[in-house]
């Protein structure tokens, strides 16, 4: 009898864990879908970082002159800086509206982990703000005479670096690719830093959100 009771208890615990996992994943999917729909409704704002990046990239040849060798030499670093600067204005508003309308308070009361919800919001922000910038990299690279062989390295570096806002290793990888040197090591460091950030950053973000709500 004792073994039967223990087995029933274990089954209930297992079902509860499965239900909790399903509930968390469903909540994250719903939040991600909601954020994407809201972003599409405000798609005029989504094009502002993209427009900024295109304008700045187009102005650099006028400011520095049409020397193709000079543009090719600085194009990688310039594109990295343009992307980072285009991202920054949108970061301030990532959670501001949720704080003002009380959504963050509901997040604190939700059964889902706050860190998981914060990670979902960051993913939605990256998809709507940064991914379009990565998509137009071939155009911006052509404006700045970026060598075609360096473009794949630039795109991979941006995919790894933009969630971290770290461009040091990305710039190193691009410079190495332009010089014909091995560029895998900087990309590997970026990948390792991204994995670490995916684990730790949501916890730090959740702690910051709690402080913001309680203060």
N, C-alpha and C. Protein backbone atom coordinates (compact mmCIF):
# COMPACT_ATOMS: atom_id res chain seq x y z
N UNK A 1 0.82 -1.20 0.00
CA UNK A 1 0.00 0.00 0.00
C UNK A 1 0.86 1.26 0.00
N UNK A 2 1.92 1.20 0.82
CA UNK A 2 2.80 2.37 0.91
C UNK A 2 3.45 2.64 -0.44
N UNK A 3 3.88 1.56 -1.11
CA UNK A 3 4.50 1.73 -2.42
C UNK A 3 3.51 2.27 -3.43
N UNK A 4 2.23 1.81 -3.33
CA UNK A 4 1.21 2.31 -4.25
C UNK A 4 0.95 3.79 -4.03
N UNK A 5 0.87 4.20 -2.76
CA UNK A 5 0.65 5.62 -2.45
C UNK A 5 1.80 6.48 -2.94
N UNK A 6 3.03 5.95 -2.73
CA UNK A 6 4.20 6.70 -3.18
C UNK A 6 4.20 6.84 -4.71
N UNK A 7 3.79 5.75 -5.39
CA UNK A 7 3.73 5.79 -6.85
C UNK A 7 2.70 6.81 -7.33
N UNK A 8 1.54 6.85 -6.67
CA UNK A 8 0.51 7.82 -7.05
C UNK A 8 1.00 9.25 -6.80
N UNK A 9 1.71 9.43 -5.68
CA UNK A 9 2.26 10.76 -5.39
C UNK A 9 3.26 11.17 -6.45
N UNK A 10 4.14 10.24 -6.84
CA UNK A 10 5.13 10.55 -7.88
C UNK A 10 4.45 10.89 -9.20
N UNK A 11 3.37 10.17 -9.52
CA UNK A 11 2.64 10.45 -10.76
C UNK A 11 2.04 11.85 -10.73
N UNK A 12 1.48 12.24 -9.59
CA UNK A 12 0.89 13.58 -9.48
C UNK A 12 1.97 14.66 -9.62
N UNK A 13 3.12 14.41 -8.99
CA UNK A 13 4.21 15.38 -9.10
C UNK A 13 4.69 15.50 -10.55
N UNK A 14 4.81 14.35 -11.23
CA UNK A 14 5.26 14.37 -12.63
C UNK A 14 4.26 15.11 -13.51
N UNK A 15 2.95 14.84 -13.28
CA UNK A 15 1.94 15.54 -14.08
C UNK A 15 1.95 17.04 -13.79
N UNK A 16 2.18 17.40 -12.54
CA UNK A 16 2.25 18.82 -12.19
C UNK A 16 3.42 19.50 -12.87
N UNK A 17 4.56 18.81 -12.92
CA UNK A 17 5.72 19.39 -13.58
C UNK A 17 5.49 19.54 -15.07
N UNK A 18 4.88 18.51 -15.69
CA UNK A 18 4.58 18.61 -17.12
C UNK A 18 3.60 19.73 -17.38
N UNK A 19 2.57 19.86 -16.52
CA UNK A 19 1.59 20.92 -16.71
C UNK A 19 2.24 22.29 -16.53
N UNK A 20 3.15 22.41 -15.55
CA UNK A 20 3.84 23.69 -15.34
C UNK A 20 4.71 24.05 -16.52
N UNK A 21 5.42 23.04 -17.07
CA UNK A 21 6.25 23.30 -18.23
C UNK A 21 5.43 23.72 -19.44
N UNK A 22 4.29 23.03 -19.63
CA UNK A 22 3.42 23.38 -20.75
C UNK A 22 2.85 24.78 -20.57
N UNK A 23 2.45 25.11 -19.32
CA UNK A 23 1.90 26.42 -19.05
C UNK A 23 2.93 27.52 -19.32
N UNK A 24 4.18 27.30 -18.90
CA UNK A 24 5.23 28.30 -19.11
C UNK A 24 5.50 28.49 -20.59
N UNK A 25 5.59 27.40 -21.34
CA UNK A 25 5.86 27.52 -22.77
C UNK A 25 4.69 28.19 -23.49
N UNK A 26 3.47 27.84 -23.10
CA UNK A 26 2.30 28.48 -23.72
C UNK A 26 2.26 29.97 -23.42
N UNK A 27 2.60 30.34 -22.19
CA UNK A 27 2.61 31.77 -21.83
C UNK A 27 3.67 32.52 -22.62
N UNK A 28 4.84 31.92 -22.78
CA UNK A 28 5.91 32.57 -23.54
C UNK A 28 5.55 32.72 -25.01
N UNK A 29 4.93 31.69 -25.57
CA UNK A 29 4.51 31.78 -26.96
C UNK A 29 3.44 32.86 -27.14
N UNK A 30 2.49 32.92 -26.19
CA UNK A 30 1.45 33.94 -26.27
C UNK A 30 2.05 35.35 -26.14
N UNK A 31 3.01 35.51 -25.23
CA UNK A 31 3.65 36.81 -25.05
C UNK A 31 4.44 37.21 -26.30
N UNK A 32 5.15 36.24 -26.87
CA UNK A 32 5.91 36.53 -28.08
C UNK A 32 4.99 36.91 -29.23
N UNK A 33 3.88 36.18 -29.39
CA UNK A 33 2.93 36.50 -30.46
C UNK A 33 2.33 37.89 -30.23
N UNK A 34 1.99 38.20 -28.98
CA UNK A 34 1.41 39.52 -28.68
C UNK A 34 2.40 40.63 -29.02
N UNK A 35 3.66 40.47 -28.62
CA UNK A 35 4.65 41.51 -28.87
C UNK A 35 4.88 41.70 -30.37
N UNK A 36 4.89 40.61 -31.12
CA UNK A 36 5.09 40.73 -32.57
C UNK A 36 3.90 41.42 -33.23
N UNK A 37 2.69 41.10 -32.77
CA UNK A 37 1.50 41.75 -33.35
C UNK A 37 1.51 43.24 -33.03
N UNK A 38 1.83 43.60 -31.79
CA UNK A 38 1.88 45.01 -31.42
C UNK A 38 2.97 45.75 -32.19
N UNK A 39 4.09 45.07 -32.38
CA UNK A 39 5.18 45.71 -33.15
C UNK A 39 4.75 45.94 -34.60
N UNK A 40 4.01 45.00 -35.16
CA UNK A 40 3.56 45.17 -36.54
C UNK A 40 2.55 46.31 -36.65
N UNK A 41 1.73 46.48 -35.64
CA UNK A 41 0.78 47.59 -35.66
C UNK A 41 1.50 48.93 -35.58
N UNK A 42 2.67 48.94 -34.95
CA UNK A 42 3.49 50.16 -34.88
C UNK A 42 4.68 50.06 -35.81
N UNK A 43 4.44 49.49 -36.99
CA UNK A 43 5.57 49.20 -37.89
C UNK A 43 6.26 50.47 -38.37
N UNK A 44 5.58 51.61 -38.28
CA UNK A 44 6.26 52.85 -38.63
C UNK A 44 7.45 53.10 -37.73
N UNK A 45 7.31 52.76 -36.43
CA UNK A 45 8.42 52.92 -35.50
C UNK A 45 9.52 51.89 -35.76
N UNK A 46 9.13 50.72 -36.27
CA UNK A 46 10.13 49.68 -36.52
C UNK A 46 11.12 50.08 -37.61
N UNK A 47 10.66 50.90 -38.55
CA UNK A 47 11.53 51.28 -39.65
C UNK A 47 12.49 52.41 -39.29
N UNK A 48 12.30 53.04 -38.13
CA UNK A 48 13.18 54.14 -37.76
C UNK A 48 14.64 53.70 -37.57
N UNK A 49 14.93 52.63 -36.81
CA UNK A 49 16.33 52.19 -36.72
C UNK A 49 16.90 51.78 -38.08
N UNK A 50 16.06 51.16 -38.90
CA UNK A 50 16.50 50.75 -40.23
C UNK A 50 16.82 51.97 -41.10
N UNK A 51 15.96 52.96 -41.04
CA UNK A 51 16.19 54.19 -41.80
C UNK A 51 17.43 54.91 -41.31
N UNK A 52 17.62 54.94 -40.01
CA UNK A 52 18.82 55.56 -39.44
C UNK A 52 20.08 54.88 -39.95
N UNK A 53 20.09 53.56 -39.94
CA UNK A 53 21.28 52.82 -40.38
C UNK A 53 21.58 53.08 -41.85
N UNK A 54 20.56 53.09 -42.68
CA UNK A 54 20.77 53.32 -44.12
C UNK A 54 21.29 54.73 -44.36
N UNK A 55 20.72 55.72 -43.67
CA UNK A 55 21.15 57.11 -43.88
C UNK A 55 22.60 57.30 -43.45
N UNK A 56 22.96 56.79 -42.27
CA UNK A 56 24.33 56.95 -41.79
C UNK A 56 25.32 56.24 -42.70
N UNK A 57 24.98 55.03 -43.13
CA UNK A 57 25.88 54.31 -44.03
C UNK A 57 26.03 55.04 -45.36
N UNK A 58 24.96 55.68 -45.84
CA UNK A 58 25.05 56.41 -47.10
C UNK A 58 25.85 57.69 -46.97
N UNK A 59 25.89 58.28 -45.78
CA UNK A 59 26.61 59.53 -45.58
C UNK A 59 28.11 59.35 -45.41
N UNK A 60 28.54 58.16 -44.98
CA UNK A 60 29.97 57.95 -44.74
C UNK A 60 30.81 58.16 -46.00
N UNK A 61 30.43 57.66 -47.17
CA UNK A 61 31.25 57.93 -48.37
C UNK A 61 31.36 59.41 -48.69
N UNK A 62 30.31 60.19 -48.40
CA UNK A 62 30.38 61.63 -48.64
C UNK A 62 31.31 62.31 -47.64
N UNK A 63 31.32 61.81 -46.40
CA UNK A 63 32.14 62.44 -45.37
C UNK A 63 33.62 62.10 -45.52
N UNK A 64 33.93 60.88 -45.92
CA UNK A 64 35.31 60.42 -45.98
C UNK A 64 35.89 60.43 -47.39
N UNK A 65 35.05 60.62 -48.37
CA UNK A 65 35.52 60.57 -49.75
C UNK A 65 35.24 59.22 -50.37
N UNK A 66 35.30 59.15 -51.69
CA UNK A 66 34.92 57.92 -52.40
C UNK A 66 36.05 56.91 -52.55
N UNK A 67 37.14 57.06 -51.80
CA UNK A 67 38.27 56.13 -51.93
C UNK A 67 37.82 54.72 -51.57
N UNK A 68 37.79 53.79 -52.52
CA UNK A 68 37.26 52.45 -52.23
C UNK A 68 38.12 51.68 -51.24
N UNK A 69 39.44 51.88 -51.27
CA UNK A 69 40.30 51.16 -50.33
C UNK A 69 40.06 51.61 -48.90
N UNK A 70 39.90 52.93 -48.70
CA UNK A 70 39.61 53.44 -47.36
C UNK A 70 38.27 52.93 -46.85
N UNK A 71 37.27 52.98 -47.70
CA UNK A 71 35.95 52.50 -47.29
C UNK A 71 35.98 51.01 -46.96
N UNK A 72 36.67 50.24 -47.77
CA UNK A 72 36.75 48.80 -47.51
C UNK A 72 37.45 48.51 -46.19
N UNK A 73 38.46 49.34 -45.87
CA UNK A 73 39.24 49.09 -44.66
C UNK A 73 38.44 49.39 -43.39
N UNK A 74 37.57 50.39 -43.43
CA UNK A 74 36.84 50.78 -42.22
C UNK A 74 35.40 50.29 -42.22
N UNK A 75 34.95 49.68 -43.30
CA UNK A 75 33.52 49.36 -43.43
C UNK A 75 33.03 48.42 -42.35
N UNK A 76 33.82 47.41 -41.99
CA UNK A 76 33.36 46.45 -40.98
C UNK A 76 33.08 47.11 -39.64
N UNK A 77 34.04 47.89 -39.15
CA UNK A 77 33.84 48.58 -37.88
C UNK A 77 32.73 49.60 -37.94
N UNK A 78 32.62 50.31 -39.07
CA UNK A 78 31.55 51.31 -39.21
C UNK A 78 30.18 50.65 -39.15
N UNK A 79 30.02 49.53 -39.81
CA UNK A 79 28.71 48.86 -39.81
C UNK A 79 28.36 48.35 -38.42
N UNK A 80 29.33 47.86 -37.67
CA UNK A 80 29.07 47.42 -36.31
C UNK A 80 28.59 48.58 -35.44
N UNK A 81 29.28 49.71 -35.55
CA UNK A 81 28.89 50.88 -34.75
C UNK A 81 27.51 51.37 -35.16
N UNK A 82 27.21 51.37 -36.45
CA UNK A 82 25.90 51.82 -36.92
C UNK A 82 24.79 50.95 -36.33
N UNK A 83 25.00 49.64 -36.33
CA UNK A 83 23.97 48.73 -35.81
C UNK A 83 23.76 48.97 -34.32
N UNK A 84 24.85 49.10 -33.57
CA UNK A 84 24.72 49.32 -32.12
C UNK A 84 24.00 50.63 -31.84
N UNK A 85 24.37 51.70 -32.53
CA UNK A 85 23.73 52.99 -32.31
C UNK A 85 22.26 52.96 -32.72
N UNK A 86 21.93 52.21 -33.76
CA UNK A 86 20.52 52.10 -34.17
C UNK A 86 19.70 51.31 -33.16
N UNK A 87 20.34 50.41 -32.42
CA UNK A 87 19.63 49.62 -31.42
C UNK A 87 19.34 50.39 -30.14
N UNK A 88 20.23 51.29 -29.76
CA UNK A 88 20.17 51.89 -28.43
C UNK A 88 18.87 52.64 -28.13
N UNK A 89 18.33 53.46 -29.04
CA UNK A 89 17.11 54.20 -28.68
C UNK A 89 15.93 53.30 -28.31
N UNK A 90 15.85 52.12 -28.92
CA UNK A 90 14.72 51.23 -28.63
C UNK A 90 14.88 50.48 -27.32
N UNK A 91 16.09 50.41 -26.77
CA UNK A 91 16.29 49.66 -25.54
C UNK A 91 15.57 50.30 -24.36
N UNK A 92 15.52 51.62 -24.34
CA UNK A 92 14.92 52.34 -23.21
C UNK A 92 13.44 52.02 -23.06
N UNK A 93 12.76 51.75 -24.15
CA UNK A 93 11.32 51.53 -24.11
C UNK A 93 10.93 50.05 -24.06
N UNK A 94 11.91 49.17 -23.87
CA UNK A 94 11.60 47.74 -23.93
C UNK A 94 10.61 47.33 -22.84
N UNK A 95 10.79 47.84 -21.61
CA UNK A 95 9.89 47.50 -20.51
C UNK A 95 9.16 48.72 -19.95
N UNK A 96 9.39 49.90 -20.50
CA UNK A 96 8.83 51.11 -19.90
C UNK A 96 7.31 51.11 -19.94
N UNK A 97 6.72 50.75 -21.08
CA UNK A 97 5.26 50.74 -21.19
C UNK A 97 4.66 49.72 -20.23
N UNK A 98 5.29 48.56 -20.08
CA UNK A 98 4.78 47.54 -19.16
C UNK A 98 4.83 48.02 -17.72
N UNK A 99 5.86 48.80 -17.39
CA UNK A 99 5.95 49.35 -16.04
C UNK A 99 4.87 50.39 -15.79
N UNK A 100 4.58 51.19 -16.81
CA UNK A 100 3.60 52.26 -16.63
C UNK A 100 2.17 51.74 -16.57
N UNK A 101 1.84 50.70 -17.35
CA UNK A 101 0.45 50.22 -17.38
C UNK A 101 0.17 49.07 -16.41
N UNK A 102 1.17 48.70 -15.59
CA UNK A 102 0.94 47.67 -14.59
C UNK A 102 1.17 46.25 -15.05
N UNK A 103 1.64 46.07 -16.29
CA UNK A 103 1.86 44.71 -16.79
C UNK A 103 2.96 44.00 -16.01
N UNK A 104 3.99 44.73 -15.61
CA UNK A 104 5.07 44.09 -14.85
C UNK A 104 4.58 43.57 -13.51
N UNK A 105 3.64 44.25 -12.90
CA UNK A 105 3.07 43.75 -11.65
C UNK A 105 2.35 42.42 -11.87
N UNK A 106 1.65 42.30 -13.00
CA UNK A 106 1.00 41.03 -13.32
C UNK A 106 2.03 39.94 -13.59
N UNK A 107 3.16 40.31 -14.19
CA UNK A 107 4.23 39.34 -14.40
C UNK A 107 4.74 38.80 -13.07
N UNK A 108 4.87 39.69 -12.08
CA UNK A 108 5.36 39.25 -10.77
C UNK A 108 4.39 38.27 -10.12
N UNK A 109 3.10 38.43 -10.39
CA UNK A 109 2.09 37.55 -9.79
C UNK A 109 1.84 36.29 -10.61
N UNK A 110 2.35 36.24 -11.82
CA UNK A 110 2.10 35.10 -12.71
C UNK A 110 2.84 33.87 -12.21
N UNK A 111 2.30 32.68 -12.48
CA UNK A 111 3.00 31.45 -12.05
C UNK A 111 4.25 31.16 -12.86
N UNK A 112 4.38 31.77 -14.01
CA UNK A 112 5.55 31.54 -14.84
C UNK A 112 6.75 32.30 -14.28
N UNK A 113 7.95 31.78 -14.45
CA UNK A 113 9.15 32.48 -13.95
C UNK A 113 9.31 33.84 -14.63
N UNK A 114 9.59 34.86 -13.84
CA UNK A 114 9.76 36.20 -14.38
C UNK A 114 10.93 36.26 -15.35
N UNK A 115 11.99 35.51 -15.04
CA UNK A 115 13.16 35.51 -15.93
C UNK A 115 12.80 34.98 -17.31
N UNK A 116 11.92 33.98 -17.37
CA UNK A 116 11.52 33.42 -18.65
C UNK A 116 10.69 34.42 -19.45
N UNK A 117 9.81 35.14 -18.78
CA UNK A 117 9.00 36.16 -19.46
C UNK A 117 9.89 37.30 -19.96
N UNK A 118 10.87 37.69 -19.14
CA UNK A 118 11.79 38.75 -19.57
C UNK A 118 12.60 38.31 -20.78
N UNK A 119 13.05 37.05 -20.79
CA UNK A 119 13.79 36.54 -21.94
C UNK A 119 12.93 36.54 -23.20
N UNK A 120 11.66 36.22 -23.06
CA UNK A 120 10.76 36.25 -24.21
C UNK A 120 10.62 37.66 -24.76
N UNK A 121 10.52 38.64 -23.87
CA UNK A 121 10.42 40.03 -24.31
C UNK A 121 11.70 40.46 -25.04
N UNK A 122 12.86 40.05 -24.53
CA UNK A 122 14.13 40.40 -25.18
C UNK A 122 14.20 39.77 -26.58
N UNK A 123 13.74 38.53 -26.70
CA UNK A 123 13.74 37.86 -28.01
C UNK A 123 12.84 38.61 -28.98
N UNK A 124 11.66 39.01 -28.52
CA UNK A 124 10.74 39.76 -29.39
C UNK A 124 11.37 41.09 -29.82
N UNK A 125 12.03 41.75 -28.88
CA UNK A 125 12.70 43.02 -29.21
C UNK A 125 13.79 42.80 -30.25
N UNK A 126 14.55 41.74 -30.09
CA UNK A 126 15.64 41.46 -31.04
C UNK A 126 15.07 41.15 -32.43
N UNK A 127 14.00 40.39 -32.47
CA UNK A 127 13.41 40.02 -33.77
C UNK A 127 12.87 41.24 -34.51
N UNK A 128 12.30 42.18 -33.78
CA UNK A 128 11.65 43.32 -34.44
C UNK A 128 12.59 44.49 -34.67
N UNK A 129 13.68 44.59 -33.91
CA UNK A 129 14.57 45.74 -34.02
C UNK A 129 15.89 45.41 -34.69
N UNK A 130 16.48 44.30 -34.31
CA UNK A 130 17.85 43.98 -34.77
C UNK A 130 17.85 43.14 -36.04
N UNK A 131 16.96 42.16 -36.11
CA UNK A 131 16.97 41.29 -37.28
C UNK A 131 16.80 42.04 -38.59
N UNK A 132 15.92 43.05 -38.69
CA UNK A 132 15.86 43.82 -39.94
C UNK A 132 17.19 44.49 -40.29
N UNK A 133 17.94 44.93 -39.28
CA UNK A 133 19.24 45.53 -39.55
C UNK A 133 20.21 44.51 -40.13
N UNK A 134 20.15 43.30 -39.61
CA UNK A 134 21.03 42.24 -40.14
C UNK A 134 20.64 41.91 -41.58
N UNK A 135 19.35 41.94 -41.87
CA UNK A 135 18.88 41.60 -43.21
C UNK A 135 19.41 42.59 -44.26
N UNK A 136 19.52 43.87 -43.89
CA UNK A 136 19.97 44.87 -44.86
C UNK A 136 21.49 45.01 -44.90
N UNK A 137 22.20 44.15 -44.21
CA UNK A 137 23.67 44.24 -44.21
C UNK A 137 24.28 44.15 -45.61
N UNK A 138 23.77 43.30 -46.53
CA UNK A 138 24.35 43.31 -47.88
C UNK A 138 24.28 44.68 -48.56
N UNK A 139 23.14 45.39 -48.38
CA UNK A 139 23.01 46.72 -48.96
C UNK A 139 23.98 47.71 -48.32
N UNK A 140 24.03 47.71 -47.00
CA UNK A 140 24.93 48.63 -46.31
C UNK A 140 26.39 48.30 -46.60
N UNK A 141 26.69 47.01 -46.70
CA UNK A 141 28.05 46.63 -47.04
C UNK A 141 28.45 47.10 -48.43
N UNK A 142 27.50 47.05 -49.37
CA UNK A 142 27.79 47.53 -50.72
C UNK A 142 28.01 49.04 -50.72
N UNK A 143 27.25 49.78 -49.90
CA UNK A 143 27.43 51.22 -49.82
C UNK A 143 28.82 51.59 -49.33
N UNK A 144 29.37 50.76 -48.44
CA UNK A 144 30.68 51.05 -47.85
C UNK A 144 31.80 50.20 -48.45
N UNK A 145 31.52 49.55 -49.58
CA UNK A 145 32.54 48.79 -50.29
C UNK A 145 33.12 47.66 -49.43
N UNK A 146 32.28 47.03 -48.64
CA UNK A 146 32.73 45.89 -47.84
C UNK A 146 33.02 44.71 -48.76
N UNK A 147 34.18 44.07 -48.63
CA UNK A 147 34.47 42.90 -49.48
C UNK A 147 33.40 41.82 -49.32
N UNK A 148 33.01 41.23 -50.43
CA UNK A 148 31.93 40.23 -50.41
C UNK A 148 32.30 39.04 -49.53
N UNK A 149 33.57 38.66 -49.50
CA UNK A 149 33.98 37.50 -48.71
C UNK A 149 33.84 37.75 -47.21
N UNK A 150 33.78 39.03 -46.81
CA UNK A 150 33.68 39.37 -45.38
C UNK A 150 32.23 39.43 -44.93
N UNK A 151 31.29 39.56 -45.86
CA UNK A 151 29.88 39.73 -45.51
C UNK A 151 29.34 38.58 -44.66
N UNK A 152 29.59 37.31 -44.99
CA UNK A 152 29.08 36.24 -44.12
C UNK A 152 29.64 36.32 -42.70
N UNK A 153 30.91 36.69 -42.57
CA UNK A 153 31.49 36.83 -41.23
C UNK A 153 30.81 37.96 -40.47
N UNK A 154 30.53 39.06 -41.17
CA UNK A 154 29.84 40.18 -40.54
C UNK A 154 28.46 39.78 -40.04
N UNK A 155 27.72 39.06 -40.87
CA UNK A 155 26.36 38.65 -40.48
C UNK A 155 26.40 37.72 -39.27
N UNK A 156 27.30 36.73 -39.29
CA UNK A 156 27.41 35.82 -38.15
C UNK A 156 27.83 36.57 -36.91
N UNK A 157 28.78 37.48 -37.04
CA UNK A 157 29.23 38.28 -35.90
C UNK A 157 28.10 39.11 -35.32
N UNK A 158 27.27 39.69 -36.19
CA UNK A 158 26.13 40.49 -35.71
C UNK A 158 25.09 39.61 -35.01
N UNK A 159 24.83 38.44 -35.55
CA UNK A 159 23.86 37.54 -34.92
C UNK A 159 24.31 37.14 -33.52
N UNK A 160 25.61 37.00 -33.33
CA UNK A 160 26.14 36.61 -32.03
C UNK A 160 26.35 37.80 -31.10
N UNK A 161 26.71 38.95 -31.65
CA UNK A 161 27.11 40.09 -30.82
C UNK A 161 25.95 40.99 -30.42
N UNK A 162 24.94 41.15 -31.29
CA UNK A 162 23.89 42.10 -30.98
C UNK A 162 23.07 41.75 -29.74
N UNK A 163 22.81 40.47 -29.42
CA UNK A 163 22.12 40.22 -28.15
C UNK A 163 22.94 40.63 -26.93
N UNK A 164 24.27 40.73 -27.10
CA UNK A 164 25.15 41.06 -26.00
C UNK A 164 25.55 42.53 -25.97
N UNK A 165 25.31 43.25 -27.07
CA UNK A 165 25.82 44.61 -27.22
C UNK A 165 27.34 44.65 -27.03
N UNK A 166 28.01 43.60 -27.47
CA UNK A 166 29.47 43.50 -27.40
C UNK A 166 30.00 43.43 -28.82
N UNK A 167 30.82 44.39 -29.20
CA UNK A 167 31.31 44.43 -30.58
C UNK A 167 32.82 44.22 -30.68
N UNK A 168 33.48 44.00 -29.53
CA UNK A 168 34.94 43.87 -29.57
C UNK A 168 35.33 42.63 -30.36
N UNK A 169 34.79 41.47 -29.97
CA UNK A 169 35.14 40.24 -30.68
C UNK A 169 34.58 40.25 -32.09
N UNK A 170 33.42 40.88 -32.28
CA UNK A 170 32.86 40.97 -33.63
C UNK A 170 33.79 41.76 -34.54
N UNK A 171 34.29 42.88 -34.03
CA UNK A 171 35.23 43.68 -34.82
C UNK A 171 36.51 42.91 -35.10
N UNK A 172 36.97 42.13 -34.12
CA UNK A 172 38.16 41.31 -34.34
C UNK A 172 37.96 40.26 -35.41
N UNK A 173 36.77 39.64 -35.41
CA UNK A 173 36.49 38.62 -36.43
C UNK A 173 36.44 39.24 -37.82
N UNK A 174 35.82 40.41 -37.94
CA UNK A 174 35.70 41.06 -39.24
C UNK A 174 37.06 41.53 -39.73
N UNK A 175 37.87 42.10 -38.82
CA UNK A 175 39.21 42.54 -39.21
C UNK A 175 40.06 41.37 -39.66
N UNK A 176 39.95 40.24 -38.97
CA UNK A 176 40.70 39.06 -39.37
C UNK A 176 40.25 38.55 -40.73
N UNK A 177 38.93 38.57 -40.98
CA UNK A 177 38.43 38.12 -42.27
C UNK A 177 38.90 39.03 -43.39
N UNK A 178 38.93 40.34 -43.14
CA UNK A 178 39.40 41.28 -44.16
C UNK A 178 40.88 41.08 -44.47
N UNK A 179 41.64 40.69 -43.44
CA UNK A 179 43.08 40.49 -43.63
C UNK A 179 43.41 39.09 -44.12
N UNK A 180 42.39 38.24 -44.31
CA UNK A 180 42.64 36.88 -44.76
C UNK A 180 43.17 35.97 -43.68
N UNK A 181 42.97 36.34 -42.40
CA UNK A 181 43.46 35.55 -41.28
C UNK A 181 42.31 34.73 -40.68
N UNK A 182 42.63 33.74 -39.83
CA UNK A 182 41.56 32.95 -39.20
C UNK A 182 40.67 33.83 -38.33
N UNK A 183 39.37 33.62 -38.43
CA UNK A 183 38.40 34.43 -37.69
C UNK A 183 37.48 33.60 -36.82
N UNK A 184 37.73 32.30 -36.72
CA UNK A 184 36.85 31.43 -35.95
C UNK A 184 36.95 31.70 -34.46
N UNK A 185 38.14 31.99 -33.96
CA UNK A 185 38.33 32.18 -32.51
C UNK A 185 37.47 33.32 -31.96
N UNK A 186 37.47 34.51 -32.57
CA UNK A 186 36.58 35.56 -32.02
C UNK A 186 35.10 35.18 -32.07
N UNK A 187 34.69 34.50 -33.14
CA UNK A 187 33.29 34.07 -33.22
C UNK A 187 32.97 33.04 -32.14
N UNK A 188 33.94 32.18 -31.84
CA UNK A 188 33.73 31.20 -30.78
C UNK A 188 33.57 31.86 -29.43
N UNK A 189 34.39 32.89 -29.17
CA UNK A 189 34.24 33.64 -27.92
C UNK A 189 32.87 34.31 -27.85
N UNK A 190 32.42 34.85 -28.98
CA UNK A 190 31.09 35.46 -29.01
C UNK A 190 30.00 34.43 -28.72
N UNK A 191 30.11 33.26 -29.31
CA UNK A 191 29.12 32.21 -29.08
C UNK A 191 29.10 31.79 -27.61
N UNK A 192 30.29 31.65 -27.02
CA UNK A 192 30.36 31.28 -25.60
C UNK A 192 29.75 32.36 -24.72
N UNK A 193 30.05 33.62 -25.03
CA UNK A 193 29.48 34.72 -24.25
C UNK A 193 27.96 34.78 -24.41
N UNK A 194 27.46 34.48 -25.61
CA UNK A 194 26.01 34.48 -25.84
C UNK A 194 25.33 33.39 -25.03
N UNK A 195 25.91 32.21 -25.00
CA UNK A 195 25.33 31.10 -24.21
C UNK A 195 25.29 31.47 -22.73
N UNK A 196 26.39 32.06 -22.24
CA UNK A 196 26.43 32.48 -20.84
C UNK A 196 25.39 33.56 -20.56
N UNK A 197 25.22 34.48 -21.50
CA UNK A 197 24.24 35.55 -21.30
C UNK A 197 22.82 35.02 -21.30
N UNK A 198 22.54 34.02 -22.15
CA UNK A 198 21.19 33.45 -22.19
C UNK A 198 20.84 32.82 -20.85
N UNK A 199 21.84 32.28 -20.17
CA UNK A 199 21.60 31.65 -18.87
C UNK A 199 21.48 32.68 -17.75
N UNK A 200 22.37 33.66 -17.72
CA UNK A 200 22.46 34.57 -16.58
C UNK A 200 21.69 35.87 -16.76
N UNK A 201 21.66 36.40 -17.98
CA UNK A 201 21.03 37.72 -18.18
C UNK A 201 19.55 37.75 -17.80
N UNK A 202 18.73 36.72 -18.13
CA UNK A 202 17.32 36.78 -17.70
C UNK A 202 17.15 36.86 -16.19
N UNK A 203 18.05 36.22 -15.43
CA UNK A 203 17.96 36.30 -13.97
C UNK A 203 18.26 37.71 -13.49
N UNK A 204 19.30 38.33 -14.07
CA UNK A 204 19.62 39.71 -13.70
C UNK A 204 18.51 40.66 -14.13
N UNK A 205 17.93 40.42 -15.30
CA UNK A 205 16.83 41.26 -15.79
C UNK A 205 15.61 41.13 -14.88
N UNK A 206 15.32 39.91 -14.45
CA UNK A 206 14.18 39.71 -13.56
C UNK A 206 14.38 40.43 -12.23
N UNK A 207 15.60 40.38 -11.70
CA UNK A 207 15.89 41.09 -10.45
C UNK A 207 15.72 42.60 -10.63
N UNK A 208 16.18 43.12 -11.76
CA UNK A 208 16.05 44.55 -12.03
C UNK A 208 14.58 44.95 -12.16
N UNK A 209 13.78 44.10 -12.80
CA UNK A 209 12.36 44.41 -12.96
C UNK A 209 11.64 44.40 -11.61
N UNK A 210 12.01 43.47 -10.74
CA UNK A 210 11.40 43.46 -9.40
C UNK A 210 11.72 44.75 -8.65
N UNK A 211 12.97 45.18 -8.74
CA UNK A 211 13.36 46.42 -8.07
C UNK A 211 12.58 47.61 -8.65
N UNK A 212 12.41 47.63 -9.97
CA UNK A 212 11.70 48.73 -10.60
C UNK A 212 10.24 48.76 -10.18
N UNK A 213 9.62 47.60 -10.04
CA UNK A 213 8.20 47.55 -9.65
C UNK A 213 8.03 47.93 -8.19
N UNK A 214 8.94 47.47 -7.34
CA UNK A 214 8.79 47.68 -5.90
C UNK A 214 9.24 49.07 -5.47
N UNK A 215 10.03 49.73 -6.29
CA UNK A 215 10.52 51.06 -5.90
C UNK A 215 9.52 52.17 -6.22
